């Protein structure tokens, strides 16, 4: 896993009080975290602050895995 993926998984698991053991970059974060799209947007705000990036909504179309989100973040760093 990349550093971005590891940090992202740690952040998301803490946000939703989940044990990150066994989380992988290919996991669907909606399913793994048990969240809906509203909660995902809240998480995105925290992610943007943690990585000091701004991610436009259009870049998130079809992104539902930790690895996919990490790639979007990586392009913004």
N, C-alpha and C. Protein backbone atom coordinates (compact mmCIF):
# COMPACT_ATOMS: atom_id res chain seq x y z
N UNK A 1 0.83 -1.18 0.00
CA UNK A 1 0.00 0.00 0.00
C UNK A 1 0.88 1.25 0.00
N UNK A 2 0.39 2.29 -0.64
CA UNK A 2 1.13 3.55 -0.66
C UNK A 2 0.89 4.30 0.66
N UNK A 3 1.72 5.30 0.91
CA UNK A 3 1.56 6.13 2.11
C UNK A 3 0.20 6.83 2.10
N UNK A 4 -0.21 7.28 0.93
CA UNK A 4 -1.50 7.97 0.82
C UNK A 4 -2.63 7.01 1.18
N UNK A 5 -2.59 5.79 0.65
CA UNK A 5 -3.63 4.80 0.95
C UNK A 5 -3.67 4.48 2.44
N UNK A 6 -2.51 4.30 3.03
CA UNK A 6 -2.43 3.99 4.46
C UNK A 6 -3.01 5.12 5.29
N UNK A 7 -2.63 6.34 5.00
CA UNK A 7 -3.14 7.50 5.73
C UNK A 7 -4.65 7.65 5.54
N UNK A 8 -5.11 7.44 4.31
CA UNK A 8 -6.53 7.53 3.99
C UNK A 8 -7.35 6.49 4.76
N UNK A 9 -6.89 5.27 4.76
CA UNK A 9 -7.58 4.19 5.47
C UNK A 9 -7.60 4.47 6.97
N UNK A 10 -6.49 4.93 7.51
CA UNK A 10 -6.42 5.26 8.94
C UNK A 10 -7.40 6.37 9.28
N UNK A 11 -7.41 7.41 8.48
CA UNK A 11 -8.31 8.54 8.70
C UNK A 11 -9.77 8.10 8.63
N UNK A 12 -10.12 7.35 7.59
CA UNK A 12 -11.51 6.92 7.41
C UNK A 12 -11.96 5.97 8.51
N UNK A 13 -11.10 5.05 8.90
CA UNK A 13 -11.48 4.09 9.93
C UNK A 13 -11.68 4.79 11.28
N UNK A 14 -10.85 5.78 11.58
CA UNK A 14 -11.03 6.54 12.82
C UNK A 14 -12.31 7.36 12.77
N UNK A 15 -12.57 7.97 11.62
CA UNK A 15 -13.76 8.82 11.45
C UNK A 15 -15.04 8.04 11.72
N UNK A 16 -15.07 6.79 11.27
CA UNK A 16 -16.29 5.98 11.39
C UNK A 16 -16.15 4.88 12.43
N UNK A 17 -15.13 4.99 13.27
CA UNK A 17 -14.91 4.07 14.38
C UNK A 17 -14.92 2.60 13.94
N UNK A 18 -14.11 2.31 12.93
CA UNK A 18 -13.98 0.95 12.40
C UNK A 18 -12.55 0.48 12.60
N UNK A 19 -12.38 -0.81 12.78
CA UNK A 19 -11.04 -1.39 12.88
C UNK A 19 -10.48 -1.53 11.47
N UNK A 20 -9.37 -0.88 11.19
CA UNK A 20 -8.79 -0.86 9.85
C UNK A 20 -8.05 -2.14 9.50
N UNK A 21 -7.93 -3.07 10.45
CA UNK A 21 -7.25 -4.33 10.17
C UNK A 21 -7.94 -5.04 9.01
N UNK A 22 -7.17 -5.38 8.01
CA UNK A 22 -7.72 -6.08 6.86
C UNK A 22 -8.23 -5.17 5.75
N UNK A 23 -8.23 -3.86 5.96
CA UNK A 23 -8.63 -2.94 4.90
C UNK A 23 -7.55 -2.96 3.82
N UNK A 24 -7.97 -2.91 2.57
CA UNK A 24 -7.03 -2.86 1.45
C UNK A 24 -7.40 -1.72 0.53
N UNK A 25 -6.49 -1.39 -0.36
CA UNK A 25 -6.71 -0.30 -1.31
C UNK A 25 -7.86 -0.62 -2.27
N UNK A 26 -8.14 -1.89 -2.50
CA UNK A 26 -9.19 -2.26 -3.45
C UNK A 26 -10.57 -2.35 -2.81
N UNK A 27 -10.64 -2.14 -1.50
CA UNK A 27 -11.93 -2.20 -0.82
C UNK A 27 -12.82 -1.02 -1.21
N UNK A 28 -14.10 -1.32 -1.38
CA UNK A 28 -15.11 -0.28 -1.59
C UNK A 28 -15.33 0.39 -0.24
N UNK A 29 -15.04 1.69 -0.16
CA UNK A 29 -15.14 2.34 1.15
C UNK A 29 -16.57 2.49 1.63
N UNK A 30 -17.55 2.52 0.72
CA UNK A 30 -18.96 2.56 1.15
C UNK A 30 -19.30 1.26 1.90
N UNK A 31 -18.91 0.15 1.32
CA UNK A 31 -19.21 -1.15 1.94
C UNK A 31 -18.36 -1.39 3.19
N UNK A 32 -17.08 -1.13 3.10
CA UNK A 32 -16.16 -1.43 4.20
C UNK A 32 -16.47 -0.58 5.43
N UNK A 33 -16.83 0.68 5.20
CA UNK A 33 -17.12 1.58 6.31
C UNK A 33 -18.59 1.59 6.70
N UNK A 34 -19.45 1.04 5.84
CA UNK A 34 -20.88 1.04 6.09
C UNK A 34 -21.47 2.44 6.04
N UNK A 35 -21.06 3.21 5.03
CA UNK A 35 -21.50 4.61 4.94
C UNK A 35 -22.33 4.85 3.69
N UNK A 36 -23.03 5.98 3.69
CA UNK A 36 -23.79 6.39 2.52
C UNK A 36 -23.06 7.58 1.86
N UNK A 37 -23.64 8.10 0.79
CA UNK A 37 -22.97 9.16 0.05
C UNK A 37 -22.84 10.45 0.87
N UNK A 38 -23.79 10.73 1.74
CA UNK A 38 -23.70 11.92 2.59
C UNK A 38 -22.50 11.80 3.54
N UNK A 39 -22.36 10.63 4.14
CA UNK A 39 -21.23 10.40 5.05
C UNK A 39 -19.90 10.44 4.29
N UNK A 40 -19.92 9.96 3.06
CA UNK A 40 -18.70 10.00 2.23
C UNK A 40 -18.28 11.44 1.96
N UNK A 41 -19.24 12.32 1.76
CA UNK A 41 -18.92 13.73 1.53
C UNK A 41 -18.32 14.36 2.79
N UNK A 42 -18.84 13.98 3.96
CA UNK A 42 -18.26 14.46 5.21
C UNK A 42 -16.82 13.97 5.34
N UNK A 43 -16.61 12.71 4.99
CA UNK A 43 -15.26 12.14 5.04
C UNK A 43 -14.35 12.89 4.08
N UNK A 44 -14.86 13.23 2.92
CA UNK A 44 -14.05 13.92 1.92
C UNK A 44 -13.54 15.26 2.46
N UNK A 45 -14.38 15.96 3.20
CA UNK A 45 -13.96 17.23 3.79
C UNK A 45 -12.77 17.00 4.71
N UNK A 46 -12.83 15.98 5.53
CA UNK A 46 -11.70 15.66 6.42
C UNK A 46 -10.47 15.25 5.63
N UNK A 47 -10.67 14.50 4.56
CA UNK A 47 -9.56 14.06 3.72
C UNK A 47 -8.87 15.26 3.09
N UNK A 48 -9.67 16.19 2.57
CA UNK A 48 -9.09 17.38 1.95
C UNK A 48 -8.26 18.17 2.96
N UNK A 49 -8.76 18.28 4.18
CA UNK A 49 -8.02 19.00 5.22
C UNK A 49 -6.74 18.25 5.61
N UNK A 50 -6.85 16.94 5.75
CA UNK A 50 -5.69 16.14 6.18
C UNK A 50 -4.57 16.16 5.15
N UNK A 51 -4.93 16.17 3.88
CA UNK A 51 -3.92 16.15 2.82
C UNK A 51 -3.64 17.55 2.24
N UNK A 52 -4.38 18.55 2.73
CA UNK A 52 -4.24 19.93 2.26
C UNK A 52 -4.41 20.01 0.74
N UNK A 53 -5.52 19.43 0.27
CA UNK A 53 -5.87 19.47 -1.15
C UNK A 53 -7.34 19.85 -1.29
N UNK A 54 -7.70 20.28 -2.49
CA UNK A 54 -9.10 20.51 -2.81
C UNK A 54 -9.43 19.63 -4.01
N UNK A 55 -10.45 18.79 -3.85
CA UNK A 55 -10.80 17.83 -4.89
C UNK A 55 -12.16 18.21 -5.47
N UNK A 56 -12.19 18.56 -6.76
CA UNK A 56 -13.47 18.89 -7.39
C UNK A 56 -14.36 17.63 -7.49
N UNK A 57 -15.65 17.84 -7.37
CA UNK A 57 -16.60 16.73 -7.41
C UNK A 57 -16.47 15.87 -8.67
N UNK A 58 -16.20 16.51 -9.81
CA UNK A 58 -16.13 15.75 -11.06
C UNK A 58 -15.00 14.71 -11.04
N UNK A 59 -13.97 14.93 -10.23
CA UNK A 59 -12.87 13.96 -10.16
C UNK A 59 -13.24 12.73 -9.33
N UNK A 60 -14.35 12.80 -8.63
CA UNK A 60 -14.76 11.70 -7.76
C UNK A 60 -15.80 10.79 -8.41
N UNK A 61 -16.25 11.13 -9.61
CA UNK A 61 -17.22 10.28 -10.31
C UNK A 61 -16.67 8.88 -10.49
N UNK A 62 -17.39 7.90 -9.97
CA UNK A 62 -16.99 6.51 -10.11
C UNK A 62 -15.92 6.05 -9.14
N UNK A 63 -15.45 6.93 -8.27
CA UNK A 63 -14.43 6.55 -7.29
C UNK A 63 -15.12 5.99 -6.05
N UNK A 64 -14.83 4.74 -5.74
CA UNK A 64 -15.46 4.13 -4.57
C UNK A 64 -14.50 3.21 -3.80
N UNK A 65 -13.23 3.23 -4.16
CA UNK A 65 -12.25 2.43 -3.44
C UNK A 65 -11.22 3.35 -2.79
N UNK A 66 -10.59 2.83 -1.75
CA UNK A 66 -9.54 3.62 -1.09
C UNK A 66 -8.41 3.92 -2.07
N UNK A 67 -8.05 2.96 -2.89
CA UNK A 67 -6.99 3.16 -3.88
C UNK A 67 -7.35 4.20 -4.91
N UNK A 68 -8.60 4.18 -5.36
CA UNK A 68 -9.06 5.17 -6.34
C UNK A 68 -9.01 6.57 -5.77
N UNK A 69 -9.46 6.70 -4.53
CA UNK A 69 -9.43 8.01 -3.88
C UNK A 69 -7.99 8.44 -3.64
N UNK A 70 -7.13 7.51 -3.29
CA UNK A 70 -5.71 7.82 -3.09
C UNK A 70 -5.08 8.33 -4.39
N UNK A 71 -5.47 7.78 -5.53
CA UNK A 71 -4.95 8.25 -6.81
C UNK A 71 -5.38 9.68 -7.09
N UNK A 72 -6.65 9.99 -6.79
CA UNK A 72 -7.16 11.34 -6.99
C UNK A 72 -6.38 12.30 -6.08
N UNK A 73 -6.17 11.92 -4.84
CA UNK A 73 -5.41 12.76 -3.90
C UNK A 73 -3.99 12.95 -4.42
N UNK A 74 -3.36 11.88 -4.86
CA UNK A 74 -2.00 11.94 -5.37
C UNK A 74 -1.84 12.92 -6.52
N UNK A 75 -2.83 13.01 -7.38
CA UNK A 75 -2.78 13.94 -8.51
C UNK A 75 -2.86 15.39 -8.04
N UNK A 76 -3.41 15.60 -6.85
CA UNK A 76 -3.59 16.96 -6.33
C UNK A 76 -2.44 17.41 -5.45
N UNK A 77 -1.58 16.50 -5.05
CA UNK A 77 -0.46 16.87 -4.17
C UNK A 77 0.66 17.53 -4.95
